[in-house]
Amino acid sequence: MSELITAGEPMVLFIADEQGALSEVRHYTRHMAGADVNVSVGVARLGHSVTFLTQVGKDPFGKIIIDFLKQESIDTAHVLTTSEWPSGFMLKGLSDNGRPETAYFRKSSATSKLTKDSVAAIDFSGARILHLGGILAGLSESAYQTTLALIEKARENGLTITFDPNLRPVIWKSEEEMIRRTNEIACLCDVVAPNVKEGQILTGEKEKERMADYYLEKGVKQVIINLVDIGSYTKKKLPDGRYSETLVPNFQTSKVVDRVGAGDGFVAGAVSAMLENLSDREVLLRGNAIGAIQMQNLGDNEGLPDRGRLDRFMHQTQLAAI
């Protein structure tokens, strides 16, 4: 079995070839998107084995998705297909500020019809981490139950469970449900990794330390917070009952092409570093580095580095003041 097991919704992505409102763009270039896909790609490119659970349509988009995952050396044995529901896709515009217009087409997608029965066939033996994002749980009731089934099986097999809330209000019935269910899932996991804005929404707290305490007091072992423009922070409970805190600044970069996918790059860096048993400081540094690299590239995962590129960036780029 792979070191890392992930699950989520892959989507074919069309990026505008010209600036302007999406409704006016005439030409697009095809890419691949999906938060959990991005994390899977980021970890796989650093040499770790990854198994991905999802469901796609028996349509051209579904074939594109499966071929892409295989090209990235991601295990597709649990990528299910269905002729009843379509694969999801999205559009993304070009932007001068790194925050492009986006449009999602995922309602009643094949992934949203994924059921908890799909979890039974996965071999968790030998795996080390189950990583989940909050998007899958928000797609439908059956996808939410699938998320819970994955957590239960991972717990039975002794895996570390990491969770990125990845808040997408548009896919939930209400903000209240989004917050309640996302926190329910978070408190079943070992490591919770929101960005600072998500932490504020989910906990109602403004200070990073209080955001971390919110989850640590509920039994979560470690909280990692992407502070976005500042750096990153983690707090965890030690075996002796004391707490350890680490704060790391961002790398100095001036070029920002596309911020979409940078958070997923951060998570990929953190998860891969955890697979390598690195220190908390190194976990945060790698997350910051991959997030910074990803922002310098157009597309959700094209910039995710291999080991050589990552090492060069981290050795050649200075840290900013915090």
C-alpha atoms as a PDB file:
ATOM      1  CA  MET A   1       0.000   0.000   0.000  1.00  0.00           C
ATOM      2  CA  SER A   2       1.061   3.590  -0.570  1.00  0.00           C
ATOM      3  CA  GLU A   3       2.538   5.770   2.177  1.00  0.00           C
ATOM      4  CA  LEU A   4      -0.214   8.340   1.703  1.00  0.00           C
ATOM      5  CA  ILE A   5      -3.916   7.815   1.053  1.00  0.00           C
ATOM      6  CA  THR A   6      -5.975  10.770  -0.163  1.00  0.00           C
ATOM      7  CA  ALA A   7      -9.502  11.317  -1.462  1.00  0.00           C
ATOM      8  CA  GLY A   8     -11.318  14.154  -3.172  1.00  0.00           C
ATOM      9  CA  GLU A   9     -12.689  15.582  -6.385  1.00  0.00           C
ATOM     10  CA  PRO A  10     -10.430  15.937  -9.418  1.00  0.00           C
ATOM     11  CA  MET A  11     -11.574  18.433 -12.033  1.00  0.00           C
ATOM     12  CA  VAL A  12     -10.471  19.296 -15.519  1.00  0.00           C
ATOM     13  CA  LEU A  13      -9.434  22.956 -15.476  1.00  0.00           C
ATOM     14  CA  PHE A  14      -9.648  25.397 -18.370  1.00  0.00           C
ATOM     15  CA  ILE A  15      -7.507  28.535 -17.923  1.00  0.00           C
ATOM     16  CA  ALA A  16      -8.277  31.564 -20.083  1.00  0.00           C
ATOM     17  CA  ASP A  17      -5.693  32.438 -22.708  1.00  0.00           C
ATOM     18  CA  GLU A  18      -6.652  36.117 -22.509  1.00  0.00           C
ATOM     19  CA  GLN A  19      -7.679  38.540 -19.815  1.00  0.00           C
ATOM     20  CA  GLY A  20     -11.271  39.555 -19.295  1.00  0.00           C
ATOM     21  CA  ALA A  21     -14.473  38.215 -17.769  1.00  0.00           C
ATOM     22  CA  LEU A  22     -14.918  34.464 -18.177  1.00  0.00           C
ATOM     23  CA  SER A  23     -18.143  35.122 -20.050  1.00  0.00           C
ATOM     24  CA  GLU A  24     -16.140  36.973 -22.710  1.00  0.00           C
ATOM     25  CA  VAL A  25     -13.096  34.700 -23.043  1.00  0.00           C
ATOM     26  CA  ARG A  26     -13.034  32.715 -26.293  1.00  0.00           C
ATOM     27  CA  HIS A  27      -9.989  30.478 -25.843  1.00  0.00           C
ATOM     28  CA  TYR A  28      -8.787  28.351 -22.930  1.00  0.00           C
ATOM     29  CA  THR A  29      -5.924  25.937 -22.227  1.00  0.00           C
ATOM     30  CA  ARG A  30      -6.646  22.672 -20.456  1.00  0.00           C
ATOM     31  CA  HIS A  31      -5.063  21.846 -17.077  1.00  0.00           C
ATOM     32  CA  MET A  32      -5.996  19.798 -14.012  1.00  0.00           C
ATOM     33  CA  ALA A  33      -7.426  21.005 -10.686  1.00  0.00           C
ATOM     34  CA  GLY A  34      -8.797  19.826  -7.361  1.00  0.00           C
ATOM     35  CA  ALA A  35      -7.339  20.596  -3.950  1.00  0.00           C
ATOM     36  CA  ASP A  36      -6.712  16.978  -2.997  1.00  0.00           C
ATOM     37  CA  VAL A  37      -5.323  16.225  -6.438  1.00  0.00           C
ATOM     38  CA  ASN A  38      -2.859  19.073  -5.951  1.00  0.00           C
ATOM     39  CA  VAL A  39      -1.738  17.689  -2.587  1.00  0.00           C
ATOM     40  CA  SER A  40      -1.386  14.210  -4.074  1.00  0.00           C
ATOM     41  CA  VAL A  41       0.703  15.500  -6.982  1.00  0.00           C
ATOM     42  CA  GLY A  42       2.889  17.585  -4.686  1.00  0.00           C
ATOM     43  CA  VAL A  43       3.669  14.641  -2.429  1.00  0.00           C
ATOM     44  CA  ALA A  44       4.195  12.202  -5.330  1.00  0.00           C
ATOM     45  CA  ARG A  45       6.654  14.533  -7.081  1.00  0.00           C
ATOM     46  CA  LEU A  46       8.811  14.407  -3.955  1.00  0.00           C
ATOM     47  CA  GLY A  47       9.135  10.655  -4.310  1.00  0.00           C
ATOM     48  CA  HIS A  48       6.384   9.362  -2.025  1.00  0.00           C
ATOM     49  CA  SER A  49       3.782   6.766  -2.994  1.00  0.00           C
ATOM     50  CA  VAL A  50       0.173   8.003  -3.083  1.00  0.00           C
ATOM     51  CA  THR A  51      -3.201   6.277  -3.484  1.00  0.00           C
ATOM     52  CA  PHE A  52      -6.161   8.438  -4.518  1.00  0.00           C
ATOM     53  CA  LEU A  53      -9.829   7.597  -3.939  1.00  0.00           C
ATOM     54  CA  THR A  54     -12.436   9.276  -6.123  1.00  0.00           C
ATOM     55  CA  GLN A  55     -15.127   8.664  -8.722  1.00  0.00           C
ATOM     56  CA  VAL A  56     -15.207  10.154 -12.205  1.00  0.00           C
ATOM     57  CA  GLY A  57     -17.601   9.904 -15.106  1.00  0.00           C
ATOM     58  CA  LYS A  58     -17.163   7.537 -18.037  1.00  0.00           C
ATOM     59  CA  ASP A  59     -16.620  10.556 -20.241  1.00  0.00           C
ATOM     60  CA  PRO A  60     -13.668  12.325 -21.897  1.00  0.00           C
ATOM     61  CA  PHE A  61     -12.988  14.360 -18.755  1.00  0.00           C
ATOM     62  CA  GLY A  62     -12.856  11.165 -16.702  1.00  0.00           C
ATOM     63  CA  LYS A  63     -10.250   9.677 -19.043  1.00  0.00           C
ATOM     64  CA  ILE A  64      -8.220  12.895 -18.909  1.00  0.00           C
ATOM     65  CA  ILE A  65      -8.270  12.769 -15.089  1.00  0.00           C
ATOM     66  CA  ILE A  66      -7.213   9.117 -14.874  1.00  0.00           C
ATOM     67  CA  ASP A  67      -4.432   9.571 -17.432  1.00  0.00           C
ATOM     68  CA  PHE A  68      -3.149  12.624 -15.544  1.00  0.00           C
ATOM     69  CA  LEU A  69      -3.023  10.782 -12.205  1.00  0.00           C
ATOM     70  CA  LYS A  70      -1.171   7.872 -13.801  1.00  0.00           C
ATOM     71  CA  GLN A  71       1.343  10.256 -15.384  1.00  0.00           C
ATOM     72  CA  GLU A  72       2.001  11.663 -11.907  1.00  0.00           C
ATOM     73  CA  SER A  73       2.657   8.125 -10.579  1.00  0.00           C
ATOM     74  CA  ILE A  74      -0.447   8.229  -8.372  1.00  0.00           C
ATOM     75  CA  ASP A  75      -2.155   4.889  -7.736  1.00  0.00           C
ATOM     76  CA  THR A  76      -5.524   4.897  -9.530  1.00  0.00           C
ATOM     77  CA  ALA A  77      -6.743   1.471  -8.388  1.00  0.00           C
ATOM     78  CA  HIS A  78      -9.489   3.219  -6.402  1.00  0.00           C
ATOM     79  CA  VAL A  79     -10.516   5.762  -9.000  1.00  0.00           C
ATOM     80  CA  LEU A  80     -14.033   4.513  -9.701  1.00  0.00           C
ATOM     81  CA  THR A  81     -15.993   5.293 -12.864  1.00  0.00           C
ATOM     82  CA  THR A  82     -19.703   5.720 -13.502  1.00  0.00           C
ATOM     83  CA  SER A  83     -21.826   6.301 -16.594  1.00  0.00           C
ATOM     84  CA  GLU A  84     -24.622   7.896 -14.526  1.00  0.00           C
ATOM     85  CA  TRP A  85     -22.876  11.094 -13.455  1.00  0.00           C
ATOM     86  CA  PRO A  86     -20.349  13.425 -15.150  1.00  0.00           C
ATOM     87  CA  SER A  87     -16.843  14.424 -14.149  1.00  0.00           C
ATOM     88  CA  GLY A  88     -16.500  17.927 -12.717  1.00  0.00           C
ATOM     89  CA  PHE A  89     -14.659  20.779 -14.409  1.00  0.00           C
ATOM     90  CA  MET A  90     -13.906  24.456 -13.818  1.00  0.00           C
ATOM     91  CA  LEU A  91     -12.910  27.673 -15.566  1.00  0.00           C
ATOM     92  CA  LYS A  92     -10.248  30.118 -14.392  1.00  0.00           C
ATOM     93  CA  GLY A  93      -9.465  33.560 -15.752  1.00  0.00           C
ATOM     94  CA  LEU A  94      -6.217  35.477 -16.084  1.00  0.00           C
ATOM     95  CA  SER A  95      -5.531  38.128 -13.467  1.00  0.00           C
ATOM     96  CA  ASP A  96      -2.931  40.799 -12.738  1.00  0.00           C
ATOM     97  CA  ASN A  97      -3.304  40.398  -8.962  1.00  0.00           C
ATOM     98  CA  GLY A  98      -2.952  36.625  -8.721  1.00  0.00           C
ATOM     99  CA  ARG A  99      -6.619  36.214  -7.736  1.00  0.00           C
ATOM    100  CA  PRO A 100      -8.402  35.108 -10.910  1.00  0.00           C
ATOM    101  CA  GLU A 101     -12.117  34.728 -11.486  1.00  0.00           C
ATOM    102  CA  THR A 102     -13.213  31.095 -11.197  1.00  0.00           C
ATOM    103  CA  ALA A 103     -16.337  29.134 -12.044  1.00  0.00           C
ATOM    104  CA  TYR A 104     -17.052  25.569 -10.913  1.00  0.00           C
ATOM    105  CA  PHE A 105     -19.215  22.960 -12.654  1.00  0.00           C
ATOM    106  CA  ARG A 106     -19.460  20.190 -10.065  1.00  0.00           C
ATOM    107  CA  LYS A 107     -23.152  19.939  -9.100  1.00  0.00           C
ATOM    108  CA  SER A 108     -24.209  16.257  -9.118  1.00  0.00           C
ATOM    109  CA  SER A 109     -20.719  15.287 -10.232  1.00  0.00           C
ATOM    110  CA  ALA A 110     -19.514  11.691 -10.171  1.00  0.00           C
ATOM    111  CA  THR A 111     -17.396  12.419  -7.103  1.00  0.00           C
ATOM    112  CA  SER A 112     -20.396  13.784  -5.214  1.00  0.00           C
ATOM    113  CA  LYS A 113     -22.037  10.368  -5.675  1.00  0.00           C
ATOM    114  CA  LEU A 114     -19.146   8.521  -4.038  1.00  0.00           C
ATOM    115  CA  THR A 115     -20.349   6.284  -1.173  1.00  0.00           C
ATOM    116  CA  LYS A 116     -18.754   4.881   1.953  1.00  0.00           C
ATOM    117  CA  ASP A 117     -18.867   1.395   0.389  1.00  0.00           C
ATOM    118  CA  SER A 118     -15.883   2.466  -1.723  1.00  0.00           C
ATOM    119  CA  VAL A 119     -13.692   2.608   1.380  1.00  0.00           C
ATOM    120  CA  ALA A 120     -13.959  -1.109   2.172  1.00  0.00           C
ATOM    121  CA  ALA A 121     -11.800  -2.126  -0.806  1.00  0.00           C
ATOM    122  CA  ILE A 122      -8.832   0.070   0.166  1.00  0.00           C
ATOM    123  CA  ASP A 123      -5.872  -1.678   1.781  1.00  0.00           C
ATOM    124  CA  PHE A 124      -4.678   0.604   4.589  1.00  0.00           C
ATOM    125  CA  SER A 125      -1.944  -1.775   5.784  1.00  0.00           C
ATOM    126  CA  GLY A 126       1.474  -0.184   5.506  1.00  0.00           C
ATOM    127  CA  ALA A 127       0.082   3.294   4.860  1.00  0.00           C
ATOM    128  CA  ARG A 128       1.253   6.048   7.191  1.00  0.00           C
ATOM    129  CA  ILE A 129      -0.980   9.070   6.606  1.00  0.00           C
ATOM    130  CA  LEU A 130      -4.560   9.607   5.495  1.00  0.00           C
ATOM    131  CA  HIS A 131      -4.934  13.160   4.222  1.00  0.00           C
ATOM    132  CA  LEU A 132      -8.386  14.651   3.735  1.00  0.00           C
ATOM    133  CA  GLY A 133      -9.736  18.009   2.663  1.00  0.00           C
ATOM    134  CA  GLY A 134     -13.071  19.520   3.568  1.00  0.00           C
ATOM    135  CA  ILE A 135     -14.366  19.785   0.001  1.00  0.00           C
ATOM    136  CA  LEU A 136     -15.314  16.115  -0.382  1.00  0.00           C
ATOM    137  CA  ALA A 137     -17.493  16.227   2.740  1.00  0.00           C
ATOM    138  CA  GLY A 138     -19.352  19.262   1.417  1.00  0.00           C
ATOM    139  CA  LEU A 139     -20.287  17.783  -1.949  1.00  0.00           C
ATOM    140  CA  SER A 140     -23.135  15.592  -0.678  1.00  0.00           C
ATOM    141  CA  GLU A 141     -24.368  13.556   2.270  1.00  0.00           C
ATOM    142  CA  SER A 142     -22.884  10.373   0.801  1.00  0.00           C
ATOM    143  CA  ALA A 143     -19.521  12.081   0.289  1.00  0.00           C
ATOM    144  CA  TYR A 144     -19.638  13.285   3.900  1.00  0.00           C
ATOM    145  CA  GLN A 145     -20.285   9.709   5.062  1.00  0.00           C
ATOM    146  CA  THR A 146     -17.412   8.541   2.861  1.00  0.00           C
ATOM    147  CA  THR A 147     -15.131  10.993   4.654  1.00  0.00           C
ATOM    148  CA  LEU A 148     -16.191   9.618   8.035  1.00  0.00           C
ATOM    149  CA  ALA A 149     -15.679   6.026   6.830  1.00  0.00           C
ATOM    150  CA  LEU A 150     -12.152   6.863   5.678  1.00  0.00           C
ATOM    151  CA  ILE A 151     -11.331   8.349   9.076  1.00  0.00           C
ATOM    152  CA  GLU A 152     -12.742   5.324  10.897  1.00  0.00           C
ATOM    153  CA  LYS A 153     -10.737   2.857   8.813  1.00  0.00           C
ATOM    154  CA  ALA A 154      -7.565   4.924   9.104  1.00  0.00           C
ATOM    155  CA  ARG A 155      -7.982   5.025  12.885  1.00  0.00           C
ATOM    156  CA  GLU A 156      -8.438   1.243  12.980  1.00  0.00           C
ATOM    157  CA  ASN A 157      -5.184   0.834  11.054  1.00  0.00           C
ATOM    158  CA  GLY A 158      -3.156   3.299  13.131  1.00  0.00           C
ATOM    159  CA  LEU A 159      -2.612   5.962  10.468  1.00  0.00           C
ATOM    160  CA  THR A 160      -1.968   9.609  11.242  1.00  0.00           C
ATOM    161  CA  ILE A 161      -4.908  11.620   9.893  1.00  0.00           C
ATOM    162  CA  THR A 162      -4.280  15.111   8.527  1.00  0.00           C
ATOM    163  CA  PHE A 163      -7.062  17.502   7.542  1.00  0.00           C
ATOM    164  CA  ASP A 164      -7.170  20.707   5.502  1.00  0.00           C
ATOM    165  CA  PRO A 165     -10.585  22.409   5.934  1.00  0.00           C
ATOM    166  CA  ASN A 166     -10.461  23.918   2.434  1.00  0.00           C
ATOM    167  CA  LEU A 167     -13.607  25.946   2.994  1.00  0.00           C
ATOM    168  CA  ARG A 168     -15.816  26.363  -0.077  1.00  0.00           C
ATOM    169  CA  PRO A 169     -19.064  28.016   1.112  1.00  0.00           C
ATOM    170  CA  VAL A 170     -20.721  27.604  -2.287  1.00  0.00           C
ATOM    171  CA  ILE A 171     -20.879  23.797  -1.992  1.00  0.00           C
ATOM    172  CA  TRP A 172     -22.532  23.782   1.447  1.00  0.00           C
ATOM    173  CA  LYS A 173     -26.209  24.337   2.223  1.00  0.00           C
ATOM    174  CA  SER A 174     -25.290  27.085   4.685  1.00  0.00           C
ATOM    175  CA  GLU A 175     -22.288  28.589   6.464  1.00  0.00           C
ATOM    176  CA  GLU A 176     -23.591  27.131   9.715  1.00  0.00           C
ATOM    177  CA  GLU A 177     -23.539  23.603   8.290  1.00  0.00           C
ATOM    178  CA  MET A 178     -20.109  24.186   6.762  1.00  0.00           C
ATOM    179  CA  ILE A 179     -18.627  25.258  10.085  1.00  0.00           C
ATOM    180  CA  ARG A 180     -20.355  22.537  12.116  1.00  0.00           C
ATOM    181  CA  ARG A 181     -19.488  19.623   9.857  1.00  0.00           C
ATOM    182  CA  THR A 182     -15.977  20.823   9.076  1.00  0.00           C
ATOM    183  CA  ASN A 183     -15.233  21.085  12.795  1.00  0.00           C
ATOM    184  CA  GLU A 184     -16.783  17.670  13.418  1.00  0.00           C
ATOM    185  CA  ILE A 185     -14.342  16.169  10.937  1.00  0.00           C
ATOM    186  CA  ALA A 186     -11.403  18.228  12.201  1.00  0.00           C
ATOM    187  CA  CYS A 187     -11.850  16.994  15.754  1.00  0.00           C
ATOM    188  CA  LEU A 188     -11.642  13.379  14.539  1.00  0.00           C
ATOM    189  CA  CYS A 189      -8.205  14.006  13.029  1.00  0.00           C
ATOM    190  CA  ASP A 190      -4.671  14.172  14.426  1.00  0.00           C
ATOM    191  CA  VAL A 191      -3.424  17.228  12.531  1.00  0.00           C
ATOM    192  CA  VAL A 192      -5.632  20.118  11.423  1.00  0.00           C
ATOM    193  CA  ALA A 193      -4.191  22.596   8.905  1.00  0.00           C
ATOM    194  CA  PRO A 194      -6.370  25.631   8.146  1.00  0.00           C
ATOM    195  CA  ASN A 195      -5.138  28.870   6.699  1.00  0.00           C
ATOM    196  CA  VAL A 196      -5.521  31.866   8.985  1.00  0.00           C
ATOM    197  CA  LYS A 197      -8.765  33.066   7.384  1.00  0.00           C
ATOM    198  CA  GLU A 198     -10.320  29.605   7.669  1.00  0.00           C
ATOM    199  CA  GLY A 199      -9.166  29.416  11.276  1.00  0.00           C
ATOM    200  CA  GLN A 200     -11.003  32.635  12.068  1.00  0.00           C
ATOM    201  CA  ILE A 201     -14.207  31.411  10.437  1.00  0.00           C
ATOM    202  CA  LEU A 202     -14.133  27.967  12.044  1.00  0.00           C
ATOM    203  CA  THR A 203     -13.104  28.948  15.569  1.00  0.00           C
ATOM    204  CA  GLY A 204     -14.313  32.534  15.925  1.00  0.00           C
ATOM    205  CA  GLU A 205     -10.847  33.446  17.197  1.00  0.00           C
ATOM    206  CA  LYS A 206      -8.522  36.143  15.828  1.00  0.00           C
ATOM    207  CA  GLU A 207      -5.170  35.115  17.315  1.00  0.00           C
ATOM    208  CA  LYS A 208      -3.369  32.125  15.854  1.00  0.00           C
ATOM    209  CA  GLU A 209      -2.618  30.749  19.308  1.00  0.00           C
ATOM    210  CA  ARG A 210      -6.314  30.710  20.247  1.00  0.00           C
ATOM    211  CA  MET A 211      -7.231  29.092  16.932  1.00  0.00           C
ATOM    212  CA  ALA A 212      -4.798  26.304  17.716  1.00  0.00           C
ATOM    213  CA  ASP A 213      -6.066  25.964  21.279  1.00  0.00           C
ATOM    214  CA  TYR A 214      -9.631  25.584  19.989  1.00  0.00           C
ATOM    215  CA  TYR A 215      -8.715  22.268  18.370  1.00  0.00           C
ATOM    216  CA  LEU A 216      -6.062  21.121  20.833  1.00  0.00           C
ATOM    217  CA  GLU A 217      -8.592  21.404  23.660  1.00  0.00           C
ATOM    218  CA  LYS A 218     -10.873  19.072  21.683  1.00  0.00           C
ATOM    219  CA  GLY A 219      -8.276  16.332  21.322  1.00  0.00           C
ATOM    220  CA  VAL A 220      -6.459  17.254  18.106  1.00  0.00           C
ATOM    221  CA  LYS A 221      -2.738  16.537  18.491  1.00  0.00           C
ATOM    222  CA  GLN A 222      -1.319  19.315  16.304  1.00  0.00           C
ATOM    223  CA  VAL A 223      -2.568  22.416  14.521  1.00  0.00           C
ATOM    224  CA  ILE A 224      -0.685  23.902  11.561  1.00  0.00           C
ATOM    225  CA  ILE A 225      -1.798  27.352  10.392  1.00  0.00           C
ATOM    226  CA  ASN A 226      -0.795  28.847   7.064  1.00  0.00           C
ATOM    227  CA  LEU A 227      -0.482  32.564   7.838  1.00  0.00           C
ATOM    228  CA  VAL A 228      -0.390  33.209   4.057  1.00  0.00           C
ATOM    229  CA  ASP A 229       1.511  36.504   3.614  1.00  0.00           C
ATOM    230  CA  ILE A 230       3.394  36.225   6.910  1.00  0.00           C
ATOM    231  CA  GLY A 231       4.575  32.634   7.172  1.00  0.00           C
ATOM    232  CA  SER A 232       3.243  29.666   9.116  1.00  0.00           C
ATOM    233  CA  TYR A 233       2.740  28.526  12.692  1.00  0.00           C
ATOM    234  CA  THR A 234       2.190  25.251  14.508  1.00  0.00           C
ATOM    235  CA  LYS A 235       1.283  24.252  18.032  1.00  0.00           C
ATOM    236  CA  LYS A 236       1.090  20.725  19.374  1.00  0.00           C
ATOM    237  CA  LYS A 237       0.675  18.874  22.622  1.00  0.00           C
ATOM    238  CA  LEU A 238       3.715  16.920  23.801  1.00  0.00           C
ATOM    239  CA  PRO A 239       3.566  13.515  25.553  1.00  0.00           C
ATOM    240  CA  ASP A 240       4.377  15.141  28.903  1.00  0.00           C
ATOM    241  CA  GLY A 241       1.392  17.478  28.610  1.00  0.00           C
ATOM    242  CA  ARG A 242       3.375  20.598  27.688  1.00  0.00           C
ATOM    243  CA  TYR A 243       2.863  22.460  24.422  1.00  0.00           C
ATOM    244  CA  SER A 244       5.355  23.228  21.668  1.00  0.00           C
ATOM    245  CA  GLU A 245       5.018  26.211  19.318  1.00  0.00           C
ATOM    246  CA  THR A 246       6.933  27.026  16.137  1.00  0.00           C
ATOM    247  CA  LEU A 247       6.664  30.113  13.921  1.00  0.00           C
ATOM    248  CA  VAL A 248       8.456  30.332  10.561  1.00  0.00           C
ATOM    249  CA  PRO A 249       8.535  33.278   8.090  1.00  0.00           C
ATOM    250  CA  ASN A 250       7.876  33.091   4.362  1.00  0.00           C
ATOM    251  CA  PHE A 251      10.566  32.984   1.720  1.00  0.00           C
ATOM    252  CA  GLN A 252      11.355  36.280  -0.006  1.00  0.00           C
ATOM    253  CA  THR A 253       9.680  36.241  -3.413  1.00  0.00           C
ATOM    254  CA  SER A 254       8.324  39.123  -5.450  1.00  0.00           C
ATOM    255  CA  LYS A 255       6.728  37.320  -8.396  1.00  0.00           C
ATOM    256  CA  VAL A 256       3.094  36.272  -7.884  1.00  0.00           C
ATOM    257  CA  VAL A 257       1.387  34.840 -10.974  1.00  0.00           C
ATOM    258  CA  ASP A 258      -1.462  32.809  -9.480  1.00  0.00           C
ATOM    259  CA  ARG A 259      -2.337  32.304  -5.816  1.00  0.00           C
ATOM    260  CA  VAL A 260      -4.797  29.488  -6.545  1.00  0.00           C
ATOM    261  CA  GLY A 261      -3.220  26.204  -5.467  1.00  0.00           C
ATOM    262  CA  ALA A 262      -0.602  27.817  -3.225  1.00  0.00           C
ATOM    263  CA  GLY A 263      -2.402  26.616  -0.096  1.00  0.00           C
ATOM    264  CA  ASP A 264      -2.489  23.091  -1.483  1.00  0.00           C
ATOM    265  CA  GLY A 265       1.228  23.379  -2.175  1.00  0.00           C
ATOM    266  CA  PHE A 266       1.778  24.371   1.444  1.00  0.00           C
ATOM    267  CA  VAL A 267      -0.154  21.305   2.634  1.00  0.00           C
ATOM    268  CA  ALA A 268       1.721  19.024   0.228  1.00  0.00           C
ATOM    269  CA  GLY A 269       4.982  20.306   1.641  1.00  0.00           C
ATOM    270  CA  ALA A 270       3.875  19.803   5.225  1.00  0.00           C
ATOM    271  CA  VAL A 271       2.486  16.304   4.645  1.00  0.00           C
ATOM    272  CA  SER A 272       5.550  15.140   2.718  1.00  0.00           C
ATOM    273  CA  ALA A 273       7.820  16.456   5.482  1.00  0.00           C
ATOM    274  CA  MET A 274       5.742  14.573   8.061  1.00  0.00           C
ATOM    275  CA  LEU A 275       6.205  11.382   6.026  1.00  0.00           C
ATOM    276  CA  GLU A 276       9.960  11.991   6.354  1.00  0.00           C
ATOM    277  CA  ASN A 277       9.726  12.571  10.129  1.00  0.00           C
ATOM    278  CA  LEU A 278      11.156  16.075   9.849  1.00  0.00           C
ATOM    279  CA  SER A 279      11.036  18.619  12.671  1.00  0.00           C
ATOM    280  CA  ASP A 280       8.143  21.054  13.034  1.00  0.00           C
ATOM    281  CA  ARG A 281      10.346  23.871  11.733  1.00  0.00           C
ATOM    282  CA  GLU A 282      11.257  21.843   8.652  1.00  0.00           C
ATOM    283  CA  VAL A 283       7.589  20.934   8.109  1.00  0.00           C
ATOM    284  CA  LEU A 284       6.672  24.624   8.050  1.00  0.00           C
ATOM    285  CA  LEU A 285       9.664  25.654   5.937  1.00  0.00           C
ATOM    286  CA  ARG A 286       8.863  23.092   3.264  1.00  0.00           C
ATOM    287  CA  GLY A 287       5.220  24.099   3.251  1.00  0.00           C
ATOM    288  CA  ASN A 288       6.156  27.771   2.866  1.00  0.00           C
ATOM    289  CA  ALA A 289       8.621  26.939   0.102  1.00  0.00           C
ATOM    290  CA  ILE A 290       6.237  24.922  -2.044  1.00  0.00           C
ATOM    291  CA  GLY A 291       3.482  27.483  -1.542  1.00  0.00           C
ATOM    292  CA  ALA A 292       5.842  30.222  -2.738  1.00  0.00           C
ATOM    293  CA  ILE A 293       6.979  28.207  -5.753  1.00  0.00           C
ATOM    294  CA  GLN A 294       3.407  27.406  -6.738  1.00  0.00           C
ATOM    295  CA  MET A 295       2.424  31.103  -6.695  1.00  0.00           C
ATOM    296  CA  GLN A 296       5.057  31.770  -9.356  1.00  0.00           C
ATOM    297  CA  ASN A 297       3.302  29.478 -11.822  1.00  0.00           C
ATOM    298  CA  LEU A 298       0.040  29.577 -13.731  1.00  0.00           C
ATOM    299  CA  GLY A 299      -2.196  26.606 -12.974  1.00  0.00           C
ATOM    300  CA  ASP A 300      -3.147  24.758  -9.827  1.00  0.00           C
ATOM    301  CA  ASN A 301      -0.315  22.209  -9.772  1.00  0.00           C
ATOM    302  CA  GLU A 302       2.132  22.902 -12.627  1.00  0.00           C
ATOM    303  CA  GLY A 303       4.555  24.598 -10.253  1.00  0.00           C
ATOM    304  CA  LEU A 304       4.673  21.804  -7.680  1.00  0.00           C
ATOM    305  CA  PRO A 305       8.388  20.938  -7.556  1.00  0.00           C
ATOM    306  CA  ASP A 306      10.379  17.746  -7.650  1.00  0.00           C
ATOM    307  CA  ARG A 307      13.050  17.183  -5.015  1.00  0.00           C
ATOM    308  CA  GLY A 308      15.841  18.925  -6.921  1.00  0.00           C
ATOM    309  CA  ARG A 309      13.888  22.077  -7.653  1.00  0.00           C
ATOM    310  CA  LEU A 310      12.619  22.272  -4.079  1.00  0.00           C
ATOM    311  CA  ASP A 311      16.112  21.914  -2.613  1.00  0.00           C
ATOM    312  CA  ARG A 312      17.515  24.590  -4.932  1.00  0.00           C
ATOM    313  CA  PHE A 313      14.750  27.035  -4.033  1.00  0.00           C
ATOM    314  CA  MET A 314      15.168  26.503  -0.292  1.00  0.00           C
ATOM    315  CA  HIS A 315      18.953  26.925  -0.469  1.00  0.00           C
ATOM    316  CA  GLN A 316      18.930  29.939  -2.776  1.00  0.00           C
ATOM    317  CA  THR A 317      15.986  31.933  -1.398  1.00  0.00           C
ATOM    318  CA  GLN A 318      16.212  33.943   1.797  1.00  0.00           C
ATOM    319  CA  LEU A 319      13.578  34.034   4.500  1.00  0.00           C
ATOM    320  CA  ALA A 320      11.661  37.246   5.007  1.00  0.00           C
ATOM    321  CA  ALA A 321      11.434  39.070   8.323  1.00  0.00           C
ATOM    322  CA  ILE A 322       8.408  38.182  10.425  1.00  0.00           C
END
